[in-house]
Amino acid sequence: MCCSQPRSASKSAISVGGGSWLIVGKFDIGPRINLLKDSERQLIIAHYELKNNKKFSLEQLFHSLNKLFTATVIQEYTFCQNFFCLEEDEIMVFFVSIFKQSMTLVLDRLKNWVSGTEDIYALLIMKCLVIQSKEGLLKRKFHALDHYIGRPNQTN
């Protein structure tokens, strides 16, 4: 019994190694949902993780990329605004032209990831992460990423 997958009509099982199985409901996404609760999760450092042959789920990659990109944009926006002493409407025109290529690169990467998956849980978690980002940016009244935050919804 320890080496065979437990069966049940309303339950499913996930192998946790060593012949052990974690019983979950058929529509339970398991520990993947924790990504939404853990906003301080460590970012993925690709070159380091590649050396260790570590694999990540699509939603983990998206979380890391999204968090790094938004943090970088916020930091650079603030710097540009302070350094060039620009008003809100002036900095938006200036800043969008600076970050347009970076935003396009991130959105193209996201489009490639999403187009190659059939994992509905990853897509739903990513959607929730976008909503969390949007809410956080709205609380801060930061609108320089409105174009970016709206785009992950339209990656098809």
N, C-alpha and C. Protein backbone atom coordinates (compact mmCIF):
# COMPACT_ATOMS: atom_id res chain seq x y z
N MET A 1 0.81 -1.20 0.00
CA MET A 1 0.00 0.00 0.00
C MET A 1 0.85 1.26 0.00
N CYS A 2 2.02 1.25 0.64
CA CYS A 2 2.82 2.46 0.71
C CYS A 2 3.40 2.85 -0.64
N CYS A 3 3.54 1.96 -1.55
CA CYS A 3 4.12 2.29 -2.85
C CYS A 3 3.07 2.55 -3.90
N SER A 4 1.82 2.30 -3.62
CA SER A 4 0.78 2.57 -4.61
C SER A 4 -0.01 3.79 -4.19
N GLN A 5 -0.51 4.50 -5.18
CA GLN A 5 -1.26 5.72 -4.93
C GLN A 5 -2.62 5.40 -4.34
N PRO A 6 -2.97 6.04 -3.21
CA PRO A 6 -4.30 5.84 -2.63
C PRO A 6 -5.37 6.35 -3.60
N ARG A 7 -6.50 5.68 -3.63
CA ARG A 7 -7.57 6.08 -4.54
C ARG A 7 -8.84 6.40 -3.75
N SER A 8 -9.54 7.40 -4.26
CA SER A 8 -10.81 7.79 -3.67
C SER A 8 -11.58 8.58 -4.72
N ALA A 9 -12.90 8.49 -4.69
CA ALA A 9 -13.71 9.17 -5.70
C ALA A 9 -13.62 10.69 -5.56
N SER A 10 -13.57 11.20 -4.32
CA SER A 10 -13.56 12.64 -4.14
C SER A 10 -12.20 13.19 -3.73
N LYS A 11 -11.22 12.34 -3.69
CA LYS A 11 -9.89 12.77 -3.27
C LYS A 11 -8.86 12.42 -4.33
N SER A 12 -7.75 13.09 -4.26
CA SER A 12 -6.62 12.82 -5.13
C SER A 12 -5.39 12.75 -4.25
N ALA A 13 -4.31 12.21 -4.77
CA ALA A 13 -3.11 12.08 -3.96
C ALA A 13 -1.91 12.64 -4.71
N ILE A 14 -1.03 13.26 -3.96
CA ILE A 14 0.20 13.82 -4.50
C ILE A 14 1.36 13.10 -3.82
N SER A 15 2.28 12.59 -4.61
CA SER A 15 3.44 11.91 -4.05
C SER A 15 4.34 12.93 -3.37
N VAL A 16 4.74 12.65 -2.14
CA VAL A 16 5.67 13.52 -1.43
C VAL A 16 7.01 12.83 -1.24
N GLY A 17 7.22 11.74 -1.96
CA GLY A 17 8.50 11.04 -1.92
C GLY A 17 8.54 9.97 -0.84
N GLY A 18 9.44 9.05 -1.01
CA GLY A 18 9.62 7.99 -0.02
C GLY A 18 8.41 7.09 0.10
N GLY A 19 7.61 7.00 -0.95
CA GLY A 19 6.43 6.15 -0.91
C GLY A 19 5.26 6.76 -0.15
N SER A 20 5.39 8.02 0.27
CA SER A 20 4.32 8.69 1.00
C SER A 20 3.46 9.52 0.05
N TRP A 21 2.20 9.65 0.41
CA TRP A 21 1.25 10.39 -0.42
C TRP A 21 0.52 11.41 0.43
N LEU A 22 0.28 12.59 -0.13
CA LEU A 22 -0.50 13.63 0.51
C LEU A 22 -1.89 13.59 -0.12
N ILE A 23 -2.90 13.34 0.68
CA ILE A 23 -4.27 13.26 0.19
C ILE A 23 -4.86 14.67 0.15
N VAL A 24 -5.38 15.04 -1.00
CA VAL A 24 -5.99 16.36 -1.16
C VAL A 24 -7.30 16.21 -1.92
N GLY A 25 -8.16 17.21 -1.81
CA GLY A 25 -9.38 17.23 -2.60
C GLY A 25 -9.03 17.41 -4.07
N LYS A 26 -9.88 16.96 -4.96
CA LYS A 26 -9.58 17.05 -6.40
C LYS A 26 -9.31 18.47 -6.85
N PHE A 27 -9.96 19.44 -6.23
CA PHE A 27 -9.80 20.82 -6.66
C PHE A 27 -8.95 21.63 -5.68
N ASP A 28 -8.19 20.94 -4.86
CA ASP A 28 -7.30 21.58 -3.91
C ASP A 28 -5.96 21.82 -4.60
N ILE A 29 -5.48 23.05 -4.58
CA ILE A 29 -4.21 23.32 -5.24
C ILE A 29 -3.03 23.13 -4.30
N GLY A 30 -3.31 22.69 -3.10
CA GLY A 30 -2.23 22.35 -2.18
C GLY A 30 -1.40 23.55 -1.77
N PRO A 31 -0.11 23.32 -1.57
CA PRO A 31 0.76 24.38 -1.05
C PRO A 31 1.04 25.50 -2.06
N ARG A 32 0.62 25.35 -3.29
CA ARG A 32 0.86 26.40 -4.29
C ARG A 32 0.16 27.70 -3.91
N ILE A 33 -0.93 27.60 -3.18
CA ILE A 33 -1.68 28.80 -2.78
C ILE A 33 -0.89 29.66 -1.81
N ASN A 34 0.08 29.08 -1.14
CA ASN A 34 0.88 29.82 -0.17
C ASN A 34 1.64 30.98 -0.80
N LEU A 35 1.85 30.92 -2.09
CA LEU A 35 2.53 32.00 -2.79
C LEU A 35 1.76 33.31 -2.66
N LEU A 36 0.44 33.22 -2.58
CA LEU A 36 -0.38 34.42 -2.44
C LEU A 36 -0.30 35.00 -1.03
N LYS A 37 -0.05 34.15 -0.06
CA LYS A 37 0.00 34.58 1.33
C LYS A 37 1.38 35.09 1.73
N ASP A 38 2.41 34.66 1.03
CA ASP A 38 3.79 34.97 1.39
C ASP A 38 4.34 36.05 0.47
N SER A 39 4.04 37.31 0.80
CA SER A 39 4.47 38.40 -0.07
C SER A 39 5.96 38.69 0.05
N GLU A 40 6.60 38.19 1.08
CA GLU A 40 8.03 38.43 1.27
C GLU A 40 8.87 37.25 0.80
N ARG A 41 8.33 36.41 -0.04
CA ARG A 41 9.04 35.25 -0.56
C ARG A 41 10.31 35.69 -1.28
N GLN A 42 11.37 34.93 -1.09
CA GLN A 42 12.66 35.22 -1.72
C GLN A 42 12.55 35.21 -3.24
N LEU A 43 13.20 36.16 -3.89
CA LEU A 43 13.20 36.20 -5.35
C LEU A 43 14.07 35.07 -5.90
N ILE A 44 13.76 34.62 -7.08
CA ILE A 44 14.52 33.55 -7.72
C ILE A 44 15.72 34.18 -8.43
N ILE A 45 16.89 33.72 -8.10
CA ILE A 45 18.12 34.16 -8.75
C ILE A 45 18.47 33.09 -9.77
N ALA A 46 18.17 33.36 -11.04
CA ALA A 46 18.21 32.34 -12.09
C ALA A 46 19.56 31.66 -12.23
N HIS A 47 20.64 32.41 -12.34
CA HIS A 47 21.93 31.77 -12.58
C HIS A 47 22.36 30.88 -11.41
N TYR A 48 21.99 31.25 -10.20
CA TYR A 48 22.30 30.44 -9.03
C TYR A 48 21.46 29.16 -9.03
N GLU A 49 20.18 29.30 -9.31
CA GLU A 49 19.27 28.16 -9.29
C GLU A 49 19.54 27.20 -10.45
N LEU A 50 20.00 27.71 -11.59
CA LEU A 50 20.34 26.83 -12.72
C LEU A 50 21.50 25.91 -12.36
N LYS A 51 22.46 26.44 -11.61
CA LYS A 51 23.60 25.62 -11.18
C LYS A 51 23.14 24.46 -10.31
N ASN A 52 22.11 24.69 -9.52
CA ASN A 52 21.59 23.67 -8.60
C ASN A 52 20.50 22.82 -9.22
N ASN A 53 20.20 23.02 -10.50
CA ASN A 53 19.15 22.29 -11.22
C ASN A 53 17.80 22.35 -10.51
N LYS A 54 17.52 23.47 -9.88
CA LYS A 54 16.25 23.63 -9.17
C LYS A 54 15.16 24.03 -10.16
N LYS A 55 13.99 23.44 -10.02
CA LYS A 55 12.84 23.72 -10.90
C LYS A 55 11.82 24.56 -10.13
N PHE A 56 11.12 25.41 -10.87
CA PHE A 56 10.11 26.27 -10.28
C PHE A 56 8.83 26.19 -11.09
N SER A 57 7.73 26.41 -10.41
CA SER A 57 6.44 26.44 -11.11
C SER A 57 6.30 27.77 -11.83
N LEU A 58 5.39 27.82 -12.77
CA LEU A 58 5.15 29.02 -13.54
C LEU A 58 4.77 30.20 -12.65
N GLU A 59 3.93 29.94 -11.66
CA GLU A 59 3.51 31.03 -10.78
C GLU A 59 4.66 31.54 -9.91
N GLN A 60 5.60 30.67 -9.54
CA GLN A 60 6.77 31.11 -8.78
C GLN A 60 7.66 32.01 -9.65
N LEU A 61 7.86 31.62 -10.90
CA LEU A 61 8.66 32.44 -11.81
C LEU A 61 7.99 33.79 -12.03
N PHE A 62 6.68 33.77 -12.25
CA PHE A 62 5.95 35.02 -12.46
C PHE A 62 6.03 35.91 -11.23
N HIS A 63 5.83 35.33 -10.06
CA HIS A 63 5.89 36.11 -8.82
C HIS A 63 7.23 36.81 -8.68
N SER A 64 8.29 36.08 -8.93
CA SER A 64 9.63 36.65 -8.81
C SER A 64 9.87 37.74 -9.84
N LEU A 65 9.53 37.48 -11.09
CA LEU A 65 9.72 38.46 -12.15
C LEU A 65 8.88 39.71 -11.90
N ASN A 66 7.64 39.53 -11.55
CA ASN A 66 6.73 40.64 -11.31
C ASN A 66 7.20 41.50 -10.14
N LYS A 67 7.60 40.84 -9.07
CA LYS A 67 8.05 41.57 -7.88
C LYS A 67 9.33 42.35 -8.17
N LEU A 68 10.26 41.72 -8.85
CA LEU A 68 11.52 42.39 -9.19
C LEU A 68 11.28 43.57 -10.13
N PHE A 69 10.47 43.36 -11.15
CA PHE A 69 10.20 44.43 -12.12
C PHE A 69 9.49 45.60 -11.46
N THR A 70 8.44 45.35 -10.69
CA THR A 70 7.70 46.46 -10.08
C THR A 70 8.57 47.20 -9.06
N ALA A 71 9.36 46.49 -8.29
CA ALA A 71 10.24 47.16 -7.31
C ALA A 71 11.28 48.03 -8.02
N THR A 72 11.82 47.52 -9.10
CA THR A 72 12.81 48.29 -9.87
C THR A 72 12.19 49.54 -10.47
N VAL A 73 11.02 49.39 -11.05
CA VAL A 73 10.34 50.53 -11.66
C VAL A 73 10.02 51.59 -10.61
N ILE A 74 9.51 51.19 -9.47
CA ILE A 74 9.18 52.15 -8.42
C ILE A 74 10.43 52.90 -7.96
N GLN A 75 11.52 52.17 -7.77
CA GLN A 75 12.77 52.80 -7.34
C GLN A 75 13.29 53.78 -8.39
N GLU A 76 13.30 53.37 -9.65
CA GLU A 76 13.80 54.23 -10.72
C GLU A 76 12.89 55.43 -10.96
N TYR A 77 11.60 55.23 -10.84
CA TYR A 77 10.64 56.32 -11.01
C TYR A 77 10.90 57.40 -9.95
N THR A 78 11.04 56.95 -8.72
CA THR A 78 11.30 57.89 -7.62
C THR A 78 12.61 58.63 -7.83
N PHE A 79 13.64 57.90 -8.25
CA PHE A 79 14.93 58.53 -8.52
C PHE A 79 14.80 59.59 -9.62
N CYS A 80 14.18 59.24 -10.74
CA CYS A 80 14.03 60.18 -11.86
C CYS A 80 13.24 61.42 -11.44
N GLN A 81 12.20 61.20 -10.68
CA GLN A 81 11.37 62.32 -10.24
C GLN A 81 12.18 63.26 -9.35
N ASN A 82 12.94 62.71 -8.43
CA ASN A 82 13.74 63.53 -7.52
C ASN A 82 14.94 64.15 -8.21
N PHE A 83 15.63 63.40 -9.04
CA PHE A 83 16.85 63.88 -9.68
C PHE A 83 16.57 64.98 -10.70
N PHE A 84 15.53 64.79 -11.51
CA PHE A 84 15.22 65.77 -12.56
C PHE A 84 14.21 66.82 -12.11
N CYS A 85 13.73 66.73 -10.87
CA CYS A 85 12.77 67.68 -10.30
C CYS A 85 11.57 67.88 -11.23
N LEU A 86 10.95 66.78 -11.61
CA LEU A 86 9.82 66.82 -12.54
C LEU A 86 8.49 66.70 -11.81
N GLU A 87 7.48 67.31 -12.40
CA GLU A 87 6.11 67.16 -11.88
C GLU A 87 5.56 65.81 -12.32
N GLU A 88 4.42 65.42 -11.75
CA GLU A 88 3.82 64.11 -12.02
C GLU A 88 3.56 63.86 -13.50
N ASP A 89 2.96 64.82 -14.19
CA ASP A 89 2.66 64.61 -15.61
C ASP A 89 3.93 64.60 -16.47
N GLU A 90 4.94 65.37 -16.09
CA GLU A 90 6.21 65.39 -16.83
C GLU A 90 6.98 64.08 -16.66
N ILE A 91 6.99 63.57 -15.45
CA ILE A 91 7.75 62.34 -15.18
C ILE A 91 7.10 61.16 -15.88
N MET A 92 5.78 61.15 -16.01
CA MET A 92 5.10 60.03 -16.67
C MET A 92 5.54 59.91 -18.13
N VAL A 93 5.58 60.99 -18.85
CA VAL A 93 6.00 60.97 -20.26
C VAL A 93 7.46 60.55 -20.34
N PHE A 94 8.29 61.13 -19.52
CA PHE A 94 9.71 60.83 -19.50
C PHE A 94 9.97 59.37 -19.12
N PHE A 95 9.29 58.95 -18.08
CA PHE A 95 9.54 57.61 -17.54
C PHE A 95 9.05 56.50 -18.45
N VAL A 96 7.88 56.67 -19.03
CA VAL A 96 7.34 55.64 -19.92
C VAL A 96 8.28 55.41 -21.10
N SER A 97 8.87 56.48 -21.62
CA SER A 97 9.81 56.31 -22.73
C SER A 97 11.07 55.56 -22.30
N ILE A 98 11.49 55.74 -21.07
CA ILE A 98 12.68 55.04 -20.57
C ILE A 98 12.40 53.55 -20.38
N PHE A 99 11.27 53.22 -19.80
CA PHE A 99 10.98 51.83 -19.42
C PHE A 99 10.15 51.06 -20.44
N LYS A 100 9.87 51.65 -21.58
CA LYS A 100 9.04 50.97 -22.57
C LYS A 100 9.67 49.66 -23.03
N GLN A 101 10.96 49.65 -23.32
CA GLN A 101 11.63 48.42 -23.78
C GLN A 101 11.66 47.35 -22.69
N SER A 102 11.92 47.76 -21.46
CA SER A 102 11.93 46.79 -20.36
C SER A 102 10.56 46.18 -20.15
N MET A 103 9.53 47.03 -20.22
CA MET A 103 8.17 46.54 -20.05
C MET A 103 7.80 45.58 -21.18
N THR A 104 8.20 45.90 -22.39
CA THR A 104 7.93 45.03 -23.53
C THR A 104 8.63 43.69 -23.36
N LEU A 105 9.86 43.71 -22.89
CA LEU A 105 10.61 42.48 -22.66
C LEU A 105 9.91 41.59 -21.62
N VAL A 106 9.48 42.18 -20.52
CA VAL A 106 8.80 41.42 -19.46
C VAL A 106 7.48 40.86 -19.99
N LEU A 107 6.72 41.67 -20.71
CA LEU A 107 5.43 41.20 -21.23
C LEU A 107 5.61 40.11 -22.29
N ASP A 108 6.65 40.21 -23.11
CA ASP A 108 6.93 39.15 -24.09
C ASP A 108 7.31 37.85 -23.40
N ARG A 109 8.11 37.94 -22.36
CA ARG A 109 8.50 36.76 -21.58
C ARG A 109 7.26 36.11 -20.98
N LEU A 110 6.41 36.92 -20.41
CA LEU A 110 5.17 36.42 -19.81
C LEU A 110 4.29 35.75 -20.86
N LYS A 111 4.17 36.37 -22.02
CA LYS A 111 3.35 35.80 -23.09
C LYS A 111 3.89 34.43 -23.50
N ASN A 112 5.20 34.29 -23.61
CA ASN A 112 5.81 32.99 -23.95
C ASN A 112 5.52 31.94 -22.89
N TRP A 113 5.63 32.32 -21.63
CA TRP A 113 5.36 31.38 -20.54
C TRP A 113 3.91 30.91 -20.57
N VAL A 114 3.00 31.86 -20.68
CA VAL A 114 1.58 31.55 -20.60
C VAL A 114 1.11 30.75 -21.82
N SER A 115 1.63 31.07 -22.98
CA SER A 115 1.18 30.37 -24.18
C SER A 115 1.60 28.91 -24.20
N GLY A 116 2.59 28.55 -23.41
CA GLY A 116 3.07 27.17 -23.39
C GLY A 116 2.55 26.34 -22.24
N THR A 117 1.53 26.81 -21.54
CA THR A 117 1.04 26.05 -20.39
C THR A 117 -0.44 25.71 -20.51
N GLU A 118 -0.79 24.62 -19.86
CA GLU A 118 -2.20 24.24 -19.72
C GLU A 118 -2.56 24.15 -18.23
N ASP A 119 -1.68 24.66 -17.40
CA ASP A 119 -1.85 24.60 -15.96
C ASP A 119 -2.76 25.73 -15.50
N ILE A 120 -4.04 25.42 -15.33
CA ILE A 120 -5.03 26.43 -14.97
C ILE A 120 -4.77 27.01 -13.58
N TYR A 121 -4.25 26.19 -12.66
CA TYR A 121 -3.95 26.70 -11.33
C TYR A 121 -2.87 27.77 -11.39
N ALA A 122 -1.83 27.54 -12.18
CA ALA A 122 -0.77 28.54 -12.32
C ALA A 122 -1.34 29.84 -12.87
N LEU A 123 -2.20 29.75 -13.87
CA LEU A 123 -2.78 30.94 -14.46
C LEU A 123 -3.68 31.69 -13.47
N LEU A 124 -4.45 30.95 -12.70
CA LEU A 124 -5.32 31.58 -11.70
C LEU A 124 -4.51 32.24 -10.59
N ILE A 125 -3.46 31.58 -10.14
CA ILE A 125 -2.61 32.17 -9.10
C ILE A 125 -1.92 33.41 -9.65
N MET A 126 -1.47 33.35 -10.90
CA MET A 126 -0.84 34.52 -11.52
C MET A 126 -1.83 35.67 -11.60
N LYS A 127 -3.07 35.39 -11.93
CA LYS A 127 -4.11 36.42 -11.98
C LYS A 127 -4.28 37.06 -10.61
N CYS A 128 -4.30 36.24 -9.57
CA CYS A 128 -4.41 36.76 -8.20
C CYS A 128 -3.20 37.62 -7.84
N LEU A 129 -2.01 37.22 -8.28
CA LEU A 129 -0.80 38.01 -8.03
C LEU A 129 -0.87 39.37 -8.72
N VAL A 130 -1.43 39.40 -9.93
CA VAL A 130 -1.60 40.67 -10.65
C VAL A 130 -2.56 41.56 -9.87
N ILE A 131 -3.64 40.99 -9.38
CA ILE A 131 -4.61 41.77 -8.61
C ILE A 131 -3.97 42.32 -7.35
N GLN A 132 -3.17 41.49 -6.66
CA GLN A 132 -2.46 41.97 -5.46
C GLN A 132 -1.52 43.12 -5.80
N SER A 133 -0.79 42.99 -6.89
CA SER A 133 0.13 44.06 -7.31
C SER A 133 -0.64 45.34 -7.61
N LYS A 134 -1.73 45.19 -8.32
CA LYS A 134 -2.54 46.35 -8.70
C LYS A 134 -3.07 47.06 -7.46
N GLU A 135 -3.58 46.29 -6.51
CA GLU A 135 -4.11 46.88 -5.27
C GLU A 135 -3.00 47.59 -4.49
N GLY A 136 -1.83 46.98 -4.43
CA GLY A 136 -0.70 47.61 -3.74
C GLY A 136 -0.27 48.91 -4.39
N LEU A 137 -0.24 48.93 -5.71
CA LEU A 137 0.14 50.15 -6.43
C LEU A 137 -0.92 51.23 -6.29
N LEU A 138 -2.19 50.84 -6.27
CA LEU A 138 -3.27 51.82 -6.09
C LEU A 138 -3.22 52.45 -4.70
N LYS A 139 -2.90 51.63 -3.68
CA LYS A 139 -2.78 52.16 -2.32
C LYS A 139 -1.67 53.20 -2.24
N ARG A 140 -0.62 52.97 -3.01
CA ARG A 140 0.52 53.89 -3.02
C ARG A 140 0.31 55.05 -3.99
N LYS A 141 -0.80 55.02 -4.72
CA LYS A 141 -1.11 56.03 -5.74
C LYS A 141 0.02 56.13 -6.76
N PHE A 142 0.49 54.95 -7.17
CA PHE A 142 1.57 54.86 -8.15
C PHE A 142 0.97 54.39 -9.46
N HIS A 143 0.96 55.27 -10.46
CA HIS A 143 0.26 54.97 -11.70
C HIS A 143 1.19 54.73 -12.89
N ALA A 144 2.49 54.75 -12.67
CA ALA A 144 3.42 54.56 -13.79
C ALA A 144 3.37 53.14 -14.36
N LEU A 145 2.84 52.20 -13.60
CA LEU A 145 2.75 50.82 -14.06
C LEU A 145 1.34 50.41 -14.46
N ASP A 146 0.45 51.35 -14.60
CA ASP A 146 -0.93 51.01 -14.97
C ASP A 146 -0.98 50.22 -16.28
N HIS A 147 -0.18 50.62 -17.24
CA HIS A 147 -0.16 49.92 -18.53
C HIS A 147 0.33 48.48 -18.34
N TYR A 148 1.39 48.30 -17.58
CA TYR A 148 1.96 46.97 -17.34
C TYR A 148 0.99 46.09 -16.56
N ILE A 149 0.43 46.59 -15.48
CA ILE A 149 -0.44 45.80 -14.61
C ILE A 149 -1.70 45.39 -15.36
N GLY A 150 -2.17 46.19 -16.27
CA GLY A 150 -3.35 45.82 -17.05
C GLY A 150 -3.04 44.78 -18.12
N ARG A 151 -1.81 44.69 -18.57
CA ARG A 151 -1.45 43.81 -19.69
C ARG A 151 -1.41 42.33 -19.37
N PRO A 152 -0.95 41.87 -18.19
CA PRO A 152 -0.94 40.44 -17.97
C PRO A 152 -2.31 39.78 -18.13
N ASN A 153 -3.37 40.55 -18.07
CA ASN A 153 -4.70 40.01 -18.29
C ASN A 153 -4.93 39.73 -19.77
N GLN A 154 -4.11 40.33 -20.64
CA GLN A 154 -4.33 40.26 -22.08
C GLN A 154 -3.17 39.58 -22.79
N THR A 155 -2.63 38.51 -22.24
CA THR A 155 -1.43 37.90 -22.80
C THR A 155 -1.73 36.87 -23.88
N ASN A 156 -2.93 36.79 -24.37
CA ASN A 156 -3.22 35.80 -25.43
C ASN A 156 -3.05 36.39 -26.79
